[in-house]
């Protein structure tokens, strides 16, 4: 546990060091999915861990050439979490975050989030060995994510 805390403090220090640099450039656009399902009348949200830090996040990524924003978000959901389903054409909100690159530089990203009603969760998918997935109640999912704007999207989402 102590190693985790030291790692987390160092990660946050690096983030603060690079914030000014990232904010000088225009944010880079990404597309993400808010995976959801209803279980006995209760909304659940699927989160997954990031590959780098193990934080709880939504599936998201860079635009895919030739795909609409919604299709790009759905593709990321398949690759990162092994889920498929119906996705909204229009985004349900946007959030900002800092993406840290291997060279220690950071870039500000704005993620356009599309709601994805999960119809199937596969046993095998491209990033299965690199991430964990878990279903949470809405308020639990909102507590697990770091970004305040994402927290608001989760809490205000109405299927």
Protein backbone atom coordinates (compact mmCIF):
# COMPACT_ATOMS: atom_id res chain seq x y z
CA UNK A 1 0.00 0.00 0.00
CA UNK A 2 2.87 2.35 0.84
CA UNK A 3 4.42 1.81 -2.62
CA UNK A 4 1.08 2.71 -4.20
CA UNK A 5 0.88 5.95 -2.20
CA UNK A 6 4.43 6.94 -3.15
CA UNK A 7 3.69 6.15 -6.80
CA UNK A 8 0.47 8.20 -6.66
CA UNK A 9 2.23 11.20 -5.09
CA UNK A 10 4.96 11.10 -7.74
CA UNK A 11 2.35 10.83 -10.51
CA UNK A 12 0.51 13.87 -9.20
CA UNK A 13 3.75 15.85 -8.90
CA UNK A 14 4.56 15.08 -12.55
CA UNK A 15 1.06 16.15 -13.53
CA UNK A 16 1.41 19.52 -11.81
CA UNK A 17 4.83 20.09 -13.36
CA UNK A 18 3.46 19.64 -16.89
CA UNK A 19 0.07 21.37 -16.58
CA UNK A 20 1.26 24.76 -17.81
CA UNK A 21 2.85 23.22 -20.89
CA UNK A 22 -0.27 21.23 -21.76
CA UNK A 23 -2.58 24.20 -21.34
CA UNK A 24 -0.64 26.31 -23.84
CA UNK A 25 -1.81 24.10 -26.74
CA UNK A 26 -5.36 23.55 -27.97
CA UNK A 27 -6.95 20.43 -26.46
CA UNK A 28 -6.77 17.26 -28.55
CA UNK A 29 -10.12 15.59 -29.27
CA UNK A 30 -10.91 12.07 -28.16
CA UNK A 31 -14.12 10.04 -28.16
CA UNK A 32 -15.33 7.93 -25.30
CA UNK A 33 -18.21 5.73 -24.25
CA UNK A 34 -20.23 5.70 -21.05
CA UNK A 35 -21.11 1.99 -20.83
CA UNK A 36 -24.34 1.38 -18.93
CA UNK A 37 -26.97 -1.25 -18.19
CA UNK A 38 -30.08 -1.60 -16.06
CA UNK A 39 -30.21 -4.37 -13.46
CA UNK A 40 -33.51 -4.75 -11.62
CA UNK A 41 -34.35 -1.13 -12.39
CA UNK A 42 -30.98 0.19 -11.17
CA UNK A 43 -28.46 1.93 -13.43
CA UNK A 44 -24.96 0.44 -13.47
CA UNK A 45 -21.89 1.93 -15.16
CA UNK A 46 -18.90 -0.06 -16.41
CA UNK A 47 -15.47 1.40 -15.67
CA UNK A 48 -12.08 0.04 -16.61
CA UNK A 49 -8.56 0.64 -15.42
CA UNK A 50 -6.11 2.72 -17.39
CA UNK A 51 -3.06 0.85 -18.63
CA UNK A 52 -0.56 3.28 -17.10
CA UNK A 53 -1.84 4.19 -13.65
CA UNK A 54 -4.66 1.76 -12.90
CA UNK A 55 -7.12 4.64 -12.41
CA UNK A 56 -10.79 3.98 -13.11
CA UNK A 57 -11.74 5.49 -16.49
CA UNK A 58 -14.17 5.20 -19.39
CA UNK A 59 -13.13 3.60 -22.67
CA UNK A 60 -11.82 6.46 -24.82
CA UNK A 61 -9.29 7.20 -27.50
CA UNK A 62 -8.26 9.06 -30.61
CA UNK A 63 -10.61 9.38 -33.60
CA UNK A 64 -10.56 6.45 -36.00
CA UNK A 65 -10.15 7.43 -39.63
CA UNK A 66 -13.35 6.99 -41.60
CA UNK A 67 -15.48 6.52 -38.47
CA UNK A 68 -17.99 8.89 -36.93
CA UNK A 69 -17.37 10.08 -33.36
CA UNK A 70 -19.95 7.59 -32.05
CA UNK A 71 -18.40 4.69 -34.00
CA UNK A 72 -14.94 5.69 -32.76
CA UNK A 73 -16.24 5.61 -29.18
CA UNK A 74 -17.87 2.22 -29.76
CA UNK A 75 -14.63 0.87 -31.25
CA UNK A 76 -12.68 2.02 -28.17
CA UNK A 77 -15.27 0.33 -25.92
CA UNK A 78 -14.78 -2.93 -27.81
CA UNK A 79 -10.95 -2.73 -27.81
CA UNK A 80 -10.54 -1.63 -24.19
CA UNK A 81 -13.46 -3.33 -22.41
CA UNK A 82 -14.80 -6.02 -24.76
CA UNK A 83 -18.29 -4.55 -24.86
CA UNK A 84 -20.75 -3.99 -27.67
CA UNK A 85 -24.16 -2.37 -27.83
CA UNK A 86 -26.22 0.58 -29.01
CA UNK A 87 -24.44 3.94 -28.84
CA UNK A 88 -25.88 7.45 -29.04
CA UNK A 89 -25.03 9.42 -32.18
CA UNK A 90 -24.87 12.68 -30.21
CA UNK A 91 -22.51 13.04 -27.28
CA UNK A 92 -24.02 13.30 -23.80
CA UNK A 93 -21.25 15.54 -22.49
CA UNK A 94 -17.55 16.38 -22.56
CA UNK A 95 -14.74 16.30 -20.05
CA UNK A 96 -11.12 17.42 -20.01
CA UNK A 97 -8.08 15.58 -18.69
CA UNK A 98 -4.31 15.62 -19.04
CA UNK A 99 -2.80 12.67 -20.92
CA UNK A 100 0.78 11.94 -19.94
CA UNK A 101 2.97 10.52 -22.66
CA UNK A 102 5.94 8.17 -22.26
CA UNK A 103 8.35 11.09 -22.81
CA UNK A 104 6.90 12.71 -19.64
CA UNK A 105 5.18 15.43 -21.66
CA UNK A 106 1.45 15.98 -21.31
CA UNK A 107 -1.35 17.04 -23.60
CA UNK A 108 -4.77 18.36 -22.66
CA UNK A 109 -7.57 16.25 -24.13
CA UNK A 110 -11.29 16.89 -24.43
CA UNK A 111 -13.34 13.70 -24.54
CA UNK A 112 -16.75 13.70 -26.21
CA UNK A 113 -18.73 11.02 -24.38
CA UNK A 114 -21.41 8.89 -26.03
CA UNK A 115 -23.74 6.65 -24.01
CA UNK A 116 -23.37 2.95 -24.85
CA UNK A 117 -26.11 0.59 -23.71
CA UNK A 118 -24.15 -2.62 -23.23
CA UNK A 119 -25.74 -5.60 -24.93
CA UNK A 120 -22.80 -7.99 -24.75
CA UNK A 121 -19.60 -8.28 -22.71
CA UNK A 122 -17.18 -10.62 -24.45
CA UNK A 123 -14.86 -13.11 -22.77
CA UNK A 124 -11.96 -12.10 -25.02
CA UNK A 125 -11.01 -8.70 -26.50
CA UNK A 126 -7.85 -6.90 -27.66
CA UNK A 127 -6.83 -5.25 -24.33
CA UNK A 128 -8.20 -7.92 -21.97
CA UNK A 129 -4.82 -8.64 -20.41
CA UNK A 130 -3.99 -4.95 -19.92
CA UNK A 131 -7.10 -3.74 -18.07
CA UNK A 132 -9.67 -4.70 -15.46
CA UNK A 133 -13.36 -3.96 -15.88
CA UNK A 134 -15.99 -3.62 -13.18
CA UNK A 135 -19.66 -2.65 -12.99
CA UNK A 136 -20.54 0.01 -10.43
CA UNK A 137 -23.71 1.67 -9.23
CA UNK A 138 -23.92 5.21 -10.65
CA UNK A 139 -22.79 7.01 -7.48
CA UNK A 140 -19.94 4.52 -6.95
CA UNK A 141 -18.71 5.02 -10.52
CA UNK A 142 -18.82 8.80 -10.07
CA UNK A 143 -16.73 8.51 -6.89
CA UNK A 144 -14.10 6.34 -8.61
CA UNK A 145 -13.22 8.67 -11.50
CA UNK A 146 -10.76 11.56 -11.04
CA UNK A 147 -12.22 14.14 -13.43
CA UNK A 148 -14.97 16.38 -11.95
CA UNK A 149 -16.59 16.93 -15.38
CA UNK A 150 -16.77 13.16 -15.93
CA UNK A 151 -18.23 12.72 -12.45
CA UNK A 152 -20.98 15.20 -13.42
CA UNK A 153 -21.69 13.36 -16.69
CA UNK A 154 -22.11 10.06 -14.83
CA UNK A 155 -24.34 11.56 -12.15
CA UNK A 156 -26.57 13.43 -14.59
CA UNK A 157 -26.92 10.66 -17.20
CA UNK A 158 -30.50 9.55 -17.82
CA UNK A 159 -31.00 6.55 -20.14
